[in-house]
Amino acid sequence: QQWFQSPDAVITDVQAINKKVKDNNLSWFSFSAGRRPVEKYILNNKLTQKPLTKAILETTFFSGNPPASWWQPGAVNQETYFTGEDQGRLVSLIYNPASKRGVLVTTSKP
């Protein structure tokens, strides 16, 4: 609810993991949420929509080397993702409004 700045957002099926990789702190989140709070988050943070390529899935979303067995960003089944900054962190988000499933990766310096 804090992520999407919406106290009435119903966020379920949350899984998360944090790791330090090279000189960055990375966090991976998998969740289910309604469309409205996710749209608000994208608009409020002025995230940019970009094509979701296989290279982006592997480098940005670590699909080739997942941090946990539940991490399956390709299963969200989207052709685009959103990226930008939130509170000094680089954010990358894939969200499917039909299935209400999303994955979010944040990167920050320690």
Protein backbone atom coordinates (compact mmCIF):
# COMPACT_ATOMS: atom_id res chain seq x y z
CA GLN A 1 0.00 0.00 0.00
CA GLN A 2 2.87 2.38 0.75
CA TRP A 3 4.55 1.61 -2.57
CA PHE A 4 1.48 2.57 -4.53
CA GLN A 5 0.61 5.51 -2.25
CA SER A 6 -2.91 4.19 -1.87
CA PRO A 7 -4.15 3.21 1.61
CA ASP A 8 -7.16 1.43 0.11
CA ALA A 9 -5.11 -0.65 -2.36
CA VAL A 10 -5.58 -4.37 -1.89
CA ILE A 11 -2.21 -5.98 -2.52
CA THR A 12 -2.03 -9.75 -2.19
CA ASP A 13 0.24 -12.68 -3.02
CA VAL A 14 3.31 -10.61 -2.17
CA GLN A 15 6.73 -12.20 -2.32
CA ALA A 16 9.94 -10.23 -1.91
CA ILE A 17 13.68 -10.68 -1.64
CA ASN A 18 16.59 -8.28 -1.15
CA LYS A 19 20.19 -8.87 -2.20
CA LYS A 20 23.38 -6.93 -2.60
CA VAL A 21 24.73 -7.41 -6.14
CA LYS A 22 28.05 -5.77 -7.00
CA ASP A 23 27.72 -2.18 -5.75
CA ASN A 24 23.91 -2.11 -5.66
CA ASN A 25 21.12 -3.10 -3.33
CA LEU A 26 18.45 -4.91 -5.31
CA SER A 27 14.91 -5.82 -4.30
CA TRP A 28 12.48 -8.01 -6.21
CA PHE A 29 8.73 -7.96 -5.55
CA SER A 30 5.97 -10.10 -7.01
CA PHE A 31 2.38 -9.10 -6.22
CA SER A 32 -1.27 -8.97 -7.19
CA ALA A 33 -3.08 -5.62 -7.14
CA GLY A 34 -5.89 -3.81 -8.88
CA ARG A 35 -5.18 -1.53 -11.82
CA ARG A 36 -6.01 1.84 -10.23
CA PRO A 37 -3.23 2.02 -7.57
CA VAL A 38 -0.62 0.74 -10.05
CA GLU A 39 -1.66 3.35 -12.64
CA LYS A 40 -1.50 6.06 -9.96
CA TYR A 41 2.02 4.92 -9.00
CA ILE A 42 3.16 4.99 -12.64
CA LEU A 43 1.71 8.47 -13.21
CA ASN A 44 2.86 9.98 -9.90
CA ASN A 45 6.43 8.81 -10.44
CA LYS A 46 6.40 9.67 -14.14
CA LEU A 47 7.58 6.20 -15.07
CA THR A 48 8.38 5.72 -18.75
CA GLN A 49 6.86 2.86 -20.74
CA LYS A 50 9.40 0.89 -22.79
CA PRO A 51 9.44 -2.33 -24.85
CA LEU A 52 10.09 -5.44 -22.79
CA THR A 53 12.73 -7.33 -24.73
CA LYS A 54 14.39 -10.61 -23.87
CA ALA A 55 17.57 -8.66 -23.07
CA ILE A 56 15.70 -6.43 -20.60
CA LEU A 57 14.10 -9.48 -18.98
CA GLU A 58 17.55 -10.98 -18.47
CA THR A 59 19.49 -7.86 -17.43
CA THR A 60 16.98 -5.67 -15.61
CA PHE A 61 14.64 -8.35 -14.30
CA PHE A 62 17.25 -11.14 -13.86
CA SER A 63 15.10 -13.77 -15.54
CA GLY A 64 18.20 -15.66 -16.63
CA ASN A 65 19.51 -15.78 -13.05
CA PRO A 66 16.44 -15.47 -10.80
CA PRO A 67 17.01 -14.49 -7.15
CA ALA A 68 14.37 -17.02 -5.99
CA SER A 69 12.36 -19.88 -7.49
CA TRP A 70 9.13 -17.82 -7.43
CA TRP A 71 10.68 -15.02 -9.53
CA GLN A 72 9.15 -15.43 -13.00
CA PRO A 73 8.85 -11.95 -14.59
CA GLY A 74 8.11 -13.36 -18.04
CA ALA A 75 4.99 -15.05 -16.65
CA VAL A 76 3.35 -11.62 -16.25
CA ASN A 77 2.98 -11.86 -20.03
CA GLN A 78 3.47 -8.26 -21.13
CA GLU A 79 5.26 -6.61 -24.04
CA THR A 80 6.19 -3.41 -22.18
CA TYR A 81 7.47 -2.35 -18.78
CA PHE A 82 7.72 0.92 -16.86
CA THR A 83 10.91 2.44 -15.53
CA GLY A 84 12.00 5.53 -13.64
CA GLU A 85 12.93 6.70 -10.16
CA ASP A 86 11.16 6.55 -6.82
CA GLN A 87 12.82 8.04 -3.73
CA GLY A 88 16.31 7.74 -5.21
CA ARG A 89 15.83 4.15 -6.38
CA LEU A 90 15.71 2.97 -9.98
CA VAL A 91 12.37 1.19 -10.43
CA SER A 92 11.39 -1.30 -13.14
CA LEU A 93 7.80 -2.56 -13.19
CA ILE A 94 5.92 -5.09 -15.30
CA TYR A 95 2.17 -5.13 -14.71
CA ASN A 96 -0.66 -6.99 -16.41
CA PRO A 97 -4.02 -5.30 -15.74
CA ALA A 98 -6.00 -8.32 -16.99
CA SER A 99 -4.43 -10.78 -14.53
CA LYS A 100 -3.66 -8.07 -11.91
CA ARG A 101 -0.16 -9.54 -11.54
CA GLY A 102 2.96 -7.46 -11.31
CA VAL A 103 6.66 -7.64 -10.66
CA LEU A 104 8.85 -4.80 -9.46
CA VAL A 105 12.63 -4.49 -9.26
CA THR A 106 14.35 -1.67 -7.38
CA THR A 107 18.03 -0.80 -7.49
CA SER A 108 19.81 1.58 -5.14
CA LYS A 109 23.31 2.38 -3.96
CA PRO A 110 24.16 1.31 -0.41
